[in-house]
Amino acid sequence: MARKKLETLTEQMFYVLLALRSERHGYGIMQYVARLTGERVTIGAGTLYALLDRFEKDGYIHRTNTVENRKYYLISPEGEERLQQEYHRIQQQALDMERALREEENP
């Protein structure tokens, strides 16, 4: 049976794909995400490597190089498309929140 494609991304999934818009290895991904988010989002090694495996199997990323046991990855065009879809979904949620707050202020 074919694997089901992801319908929504978890926060960690989103940030891993975002990090891989530039070529990075696992530890580099964890550092990038922590730095980008002011350490609000951290990704543990077990979670990260499970996501990398899944994303590679789903075609969202591809391995670009291996240097001294470090595997480097980069987002694929399909992964970039999925990341953009999630970004637009998040934007829509923010707009919905703003609309709801305006309605509460002006019933």
N, C-alpha and C. Protein backbone atom coordinates (compact mmCIF):
# COMPACT_ATOMS: atom_id res chain seq x y z
N MET A 1 0.84 -1.18 0.00
CA MET A 1 0.00 0.00 0.00
C MET A 1 0.89 1.25 0.00
N ALA A 2 0.56 2.24 -0.78
CA ALA A 2 1.36 3.46 -0.88
C ALA A 2 1.22 4.28 0.40
N ARG A 3 2.29 4.95 0.75
CA ARG A 3 2.25 5.82 1.93
C ARG A 3 1.38 7.03 1.65
N LYS A 4 0.61 7.42 2.64
CA LYS A 4 -0.23 8.60 2.51
C LYS A 4 0.63 9.85 2.67
N LYS A 5 0.46 10.79 1.76
CA LYS A 5 1.19 12.06 1.84
C LYS A 5 0.68 12.87 3.03
N LEU A 6 1.53 13.70 3.55
CA LEU A 6 1.18 14.51 4.71
C LEU A 6 0.14 15.56 4.34
N GLU A 7 -0.90 15.66 5.15
CA GLU A 7 -1.93 16.67 4.91
C GLU A 7 -1.59 17.98 5.60
N THR A 8 -1.10 17.90 6.81
CA THR A 8 -0.60 19.08 7.52
C THR A 8 0.74 18.70 8.14
N LEU A 9 1.55 19.69 8.37
CA LEU A 9 2.87 19.46 8.96
C LEU A 9 2.85 19.86 10.43
N THR A 10 3.53 19.09 11.25
CA THR A 10 3.74 19.52 12.63
C THR A 10 4.74 20.68 12.60
N GLU A 11 4.86 21.35 13.72
CA GLU A 11 5.80 22.46 13.80
C GLU A 11 7.23 22.00 13.48
N GLN A 12 7.63 20.84 14.03
CA GLN A 12 8.96 20.32 13.75
C GLN A 12 9.14 19.99 12.28
N MET A 13 8.13 19.40 11.66
CA MET A 13 8.20 19.08 10.23
C MET A 13 8.40 20.34 9.40
N PHE A 14 7.62 21.37 9.73
CA PHE A 14 7.70 22.63 9.00
C PHE A 14 9.12 23.19 9.08
N TYR A 15 9.69 23.21 10.28
CA TYR A 15 11.01 23.81 10.45
C TYR A 15 12.13 22.97 9.83
N VAL A 16 11.97 21.67 9.80
CA VAL A 16 12.98 20.84 9.14
C VAL A 16 12.99 21.16 7.64
N LEU A 17 11.83 21.20 7.02
CA LEU A 17 11.77 21.53 5.59
C LEU A 17 12.30 22.95 5.35
N LEU A 18 11.93 23.87 6.21
CA LEU A 18 12.42 25.25 6.07
C LEU A 18 13.95 25.29 6.15
N ALA A 19 14.51 24.55 7.09
CA ALA A 19 15.97 24.51 7.26
C ALA A 19 16.65 23.94 6.02
N LEU A 20 15.99 23.02 5.35
CA LEU A 20 16.61 22.34 4.22
C LEU A 20 16.45 23.08 2.89
N ARG A 21 16.03 24.33 2.97
CA ARG A 21 16.09 25.18 1.76
C ARG A 21 17.54 25.50 1.46
N SER A 22 18.42 25.25 2.44
CA SER A 22 19.87 25.28 2.25
C SER A 22 20.40 23.91 2.66
N GLU A 23 21.44 23.47 2.02
CA GLU A 23 22.00 22.15 2.32
C GLU A 23 22.52 22.12 3.76
N ARG A 24 22.08 21.11 4.52
CA ARG A 24 22.50 20.97 5.91
C ARG A 24 22.55 19.50 6.30
N HIS A 25 23.34 19.21 7.31
CA HIS A 25 23.34 17.88 7.93
C HIS A 25 22.47 17.94 9.19
N GLY A 26 22.25 16.79 9.80
CA GLY A 26 21.32 16.70 10.92
C GLY A 26 21.56 17.69 12.04
N TYR A 27 22.78 17.72 12.56
CA TYR A 27 23.07 18.62 13.67
C TYR A 27 22.93 20.07 13.22
N GLY A 28 23.31 20.36 11.99
CA GLY A 28 23.15 21.71 11.45
C GLY A 28 21.69 22.13 11.38
N ILE A 29 20.81 21.17 11.09
CA ILE A 29 19.37 21.45 11.05
C ILE A 29 18.90 21.82 12.46
N MET A 30 19.30 21.04 13.45
CA MET A 30 18.88 21.31 14.82
C MET A 30 19.36 22.68 15.28
N GLN A 31 20.60 23.03 14.96
CA GLN A 31 21.15 24.33 15.34
C GLN A 31 20.41 25.46 14.64
N TYR A 32 20.16 25.30 13.35
CA TYR A 32 19.48 26.33 12.58
C TYR A 32 18.09 26.62 13.15
N VAL A 33 17.32 25.57 13.40
CA VAL A 33 15.95 25.73 13.90
C VAL A 33 15.97 26.40 15.28
N ALA A 34 16.86 25.97 16.15
CA ALA A 34 16.94 26.57 17.48
C ALA A 34 17.30 28.06 17.38
N ARG A 35 18.26 28.38 16.52
CA ARG A 35 18.68 29.77 16.36
C ARG A 35 17.57 30.61 15.74
N LEU A 36 16.94 30.10 14.68
CA LEU A 36 15.89 30.83 13.98
C LEU A 36 14.72 31.16 14.90
N THR A 37 14.36 30.23 15.77
CA THR A 37 13.18 30.38 16.62
C THR A 37 13.52 30.91 18.01
N GLY A 38 14.76 31.30 18.24
CA GLY A 38 15.14 31.75 19.58
C GLY A 38 14.99 30.63 20.59
N GLU A 39 15.20 29.41 20.16
CA GLU A 39 15.09 28.19 20.95
C GLU A 39 13.66 27.89 21.40
N ARG A 40 12.68 28.55 20.80
CA ARG A 40 11.28 28.22 21.07
C ARG A 40 10.96 26.83 20.54
N VAL A 41 11.58 26.48 19.41
CA VAL A 41 11.38 25.16 18.81
C VAL A 41 12.71 24.44 18.84
N THR A 42 12.72 23.28 19.46
CA THR A 42 13.89 22.42 19.43
C THR A 42 13.46 21.07 18.88
N ILE A 43 14.39 20.43 18.20
CA ILE A 43 14.09 19.13 17.60
C ILE A 43 15.12 18.14 18.12
N GLY A 44 14.65 17.12 18.79
CA GLY A 44 15.53 16.08 19.31
C GLY A 44 16.06 15.22 18.17
N ALA A 45 17.18 14.57 18.44
CA ALA A 45 17.84 13.76 17.42
C ALA A 45 16.92 12.64 16.92
N GLY A 46 16.23 11.97 17.81
CA GLY A 46 15.35 10.87 17.39
C GLY A 46 14.24 11.35 16.48
N THR A 47 13.63 12.45 16.84
CA THR A 47 12.57 13.05 16.01
C THR A 47 13.12 13.47 14.67
N LEU A 48 14.27 14.15 14.69
CA LEU A 48 14.86 14.65 13.46
C LEU A 48 15.16 13.53 12.48
N TYR A 49 15.84 12.49 12.94
CA TYR A 49 16.23 11.43 12.02
C TYR A 49 15.04 10.63 11.52
N ALA A 50 13.99 10.51 12.33
CA ALA A 50 12.76 9.87 11.85
C ALA A 50 12.12 10.73 10.75
N LEU A 51 12.11 12.06 10.95
CA LEU A 51 11.55 12.95 9.94
C LEU A 51 12.37 12.93 8.66
N LEU A 52 13.70 12.95 8.78
CA LEU A 52 14.54 12.91 7.59
C LEU A 52 14.28 11.64 6.78
N ASP A 53 14.15 10.52 7.48
CA ASP A 53 13.87 9.25 6.81
C ASP A 53 12.52 9.32 6.09
N ARG A 54 11.51 9.81 6.78
CA ARG A 54 10.17 9.89 6.18
C ARG A 54 10.16 10.86 4.99
N PHE A 55 10.75 12.04 5.18
CA PHE A 55 10.77 13.03 4.10
C PHE A 55 11.52 12.51 2.88
N GLU A 56 12.60 11.77 3.12
CA GLU A 56 13.35 11.22 1.98
C GLU A 56 12.50 10.18 1.25
N LYS A 57 11.82 9.32 1.99
CA LYS A 57 10.96 8.31 1.36
C LYS A 57 9.79 8.94 0.62
N ASP A 58 9.27 10.06 1.15
CA ASP A 58 8.14 10.75 0.52
C ASP A 58 8.58 11.67 -0.63
N GLY A 59 9.88 11.81 -0.82
CA GLY A 59 10.38 12.63 -1.91
C GLY A 59 10.44 14.12 -1.63
N TYR A 60 10.31 14.50 -0.36
CA TYR A 60 10.35 15.91 0.01
C TYR A 60 11.78 16.45 0.14
N ILE A 61 12.71 15.56 0.39
CA ILE A 61 14.12 15.94 0.49
C ILE A 61 14.95 14.88 -0.22
N HIS A 62 16.21 15.22 -0.50
CA HIS A 62 17.12 14.20 -1.03
C HIS A 62 18.50 14.41 -0.40
N ARG A 63 19.19 13.31 -0.26
CA ARG A 63 20.54 13.35 0.30
C ARG A 63 21.48 13.87 -0.78
N THR A 64 22.32 14.82 -0.41
CA THR A 64 23.22 15.43 -1.39
C THR A 64 24.65 14.98 -1.23
N ASN A 65 25.03 14.61 -0.01
CA ASN A 65 26.44 14.29 0.23
C ASN A 65 26.57 13.59 1.57
N THR A 66 27.67 12.88 1.74
CA THR A 66 28.03 12.32 3.04
C THR A 66 29.50 12.63 3.26
N VAL A 67 29.80 13.32 4.36
CA VAL A 67 31.17 13.70 4.70
C VAL A 67 31.40 13.32 6.15
N GLU A 68 32.39 12.46 6.39
CA GLU A 68 32.74 12.03 7.75
C GLU A 68 31.50 11.61 8.54
N ASN A 69 30.71 10.73 8.00
CA ASN A 69 29.49 10.20 8.61
C ASN A 69 28.37 11.22 8.76
N ARG A 70 28.53 12.42 8.23
CA ARG A 70 27.46 13.41 8.25
C ARG A 70 26.73 13.35 6.91
N LYS A 71 25.43 13.12 6.98
CA LYS A 71 24.61 13.08 5.78
C LYS A 71 24.00 14.46 5.57
N TYR A 72 24.19 15.00 4.39
CA TYR A 72 23.67 16.31 4.02
C TYR A 72 22.41 16.14 3.18
N TYR A 73 21.45 17.02 3.40
CA TYR A 73 20.17 16.95 2.71
C TYR A 73 19.80 18.32 2.14
N LEU A 74 18.88 18.29 1.18
CA LEU A 74 18.36 19.50 0.57
C LEU A 74 16.89 19.25 0.22
N ILE A 75 16.07 20.26 0.32
CA ILE A 75 14.65 20.12 -0.01
C ILE A 75 14.50 19.90 -1.52
N SER A 76 13.55 19.09 -1.90
CA SER A 76 13.26 18.83 -3.32
C SER A 76 12.18 19.82 -3.79
N PRO A 77 11.95 19.90 -5.08
CA PRO A 77 10.85 20.75 -5.55
C PRO A 77 9.50 20.36 -4.94
N GLU A 78 9.24 19.06 -4.79
CA GLU A 78 8.00 18.61 -4.16
C GLU A 78 7.95 19.05 -2.69
N GLY A 79 9.08 18.98 -2.00
CA GLY A 79 9.13 19.43 -0.61
C GLY A 79 8.92 20.92 -0.49
N GLU A 80 9.49 21.68 -1.42
CA GLU A 80 9.29 23.14 -1.43
C GLU A 80 7.82 23.48 -1.65
N GLU A 81 7.18 22.76 -2.54
CA GLU A 81 5.75 22.97 -2.79
C GLU A 81 4.94 22.68 -1.53
N ARG A 82 5.28 21.58 -0.85
CA ARG A 82 4.57 21.20 0.38
C ARG A 82 4.79 22.25 1.47
N LEU A 83 6.02 22.75 1.58
CA LEU A 83 6.35 23.79 2.56
C LEU A 83 5.54 25.06 2.27
N GLN A 84 5.44 25.45 1.02
CA GLN A 84 4.67 26.64 0.65
C GLN A 84 3.18 26.45 0.94
N GLN A 85 2.66 25.26 0.70
CA GLN A 85 1.26 24.97 1.02
C GLN A 85 1.01 25.14 2.52
N GLU A 86 1.92 24.63 3.31
CA GLU A 86 1.78 24.75 4.77
C GLU A 86 1.90 26.21 5.21
N TYR A 87 2.79 26.95 4.60
CA TYR A 87 2.96 28.37 4.91
C TYR A 87 1.65 29.12 4.63
N HIS A 88 1.02 28.84 3.51
CA HIS A 88 -0.24 29.49 3.17
C HIS A 88 -1.37 29.06 4.12
N ARG A 89 -1.35 27.82 4.54
CA ARG A 89 -2.35 27.34 5.51
C ARG A 89 -2.21 28.09 6.83
N ILE A 90 -0.96 28.28 7.27
CA ILE A 90 -0.70 28.99 8.52
C ILE A 90 -1.12 30.46 8.39
N GLN A 91 -0.83 31.06 7.24
CA GLN A 91 -1.26 32.45 7.01
C GLN A 91 -2.78 32.57 7.09
N GLN A 92 -3.48 31.61 6.51
CA GLN A 92 -4.94 31.63 6.55
C GLN A 92 -5.45 31.51 7.97
N GLN A 93 -4.82 30.68 8.78
CA GLN A 93 -5.21 30.57 10.18
C GLN A 93 -5.04 31.90 10.89
N ALA A 94 -3.94 32.59 10.63
CA ALA A 94 -3.70 33.89 11.26
C ALA A 94 -4.76 34.89 10.82
N LEU A 95 -5.13 34.89 9.54
CA LEU A 95 -6.18 35.78 9.06
C LEU A 95 -7.53 35.47 9.72
N ASP A 96 -7.80 34.18 9.90
CA ASP A 96 -9.04 33.79 10.57
C ASP A 96 -9.07 34.29 12.01
N MET A 97 -7.94 34.21 12.69
CA MET A 97 -7.84 34.70 14.07
C MET A 97 -8.08 36.21 14.11
N GLU A 98 -7.45 36.93 13.20
CA GLU A 98 -7.63 38.38 13.15
C GLU A 98 -9.09 38.75 12.89
N ARG A 99 -9.72 38.03 12.00
CA ARG A 99 -11.14 38.27 11.69
C ARG A 99 -12.01 38.00 12.91
N ALA A 100 -11.73 36.91 13.62
CA ALA A 100 -12.50 36.57 14.82
C ALA A 100 -12.32 37.63 15.90
N LEU A 101 -11.10 38.13 16.06
CA LEU A 101 -10.85 39.16 17.07
C LEU A 101 -11.58 40.46 16.72
N ARG A 102 -11.60 40.82 15.44
CA ARG A 102 -12.32 42.02 15.00
C ARG A 102 -13.82 41.86 15.27
N GLU A 103 -14.34 40.66 14.99
CA GLU A 103 -15.76 40.42 15.22
C GLU A 103 -16.11 40.51 16.70
N GLU A 104 -15.19 40.06 17.57
CA GLU A 104 -15.43 40.14 19.01
C GLU A 104 -15.44 41.59 19.48
N GLU A 105 -14.58 42.42 18.86
CA GLU A 105 -14.52 43.83 19.23
C GLU A 105 -15.74 44.60 18.73
N ASN A 106 -16.28 44.18 17.60
CA ASN A 106 -17.43 44.86 16.98
C ASN A 106 -18.54 43.86 16.68
N PRO A 107 -19.22 43.40 17.72
CA PRO A 107 -20.25 42.37 17.51
C PRO A 107 -21.41 42.80 16.65
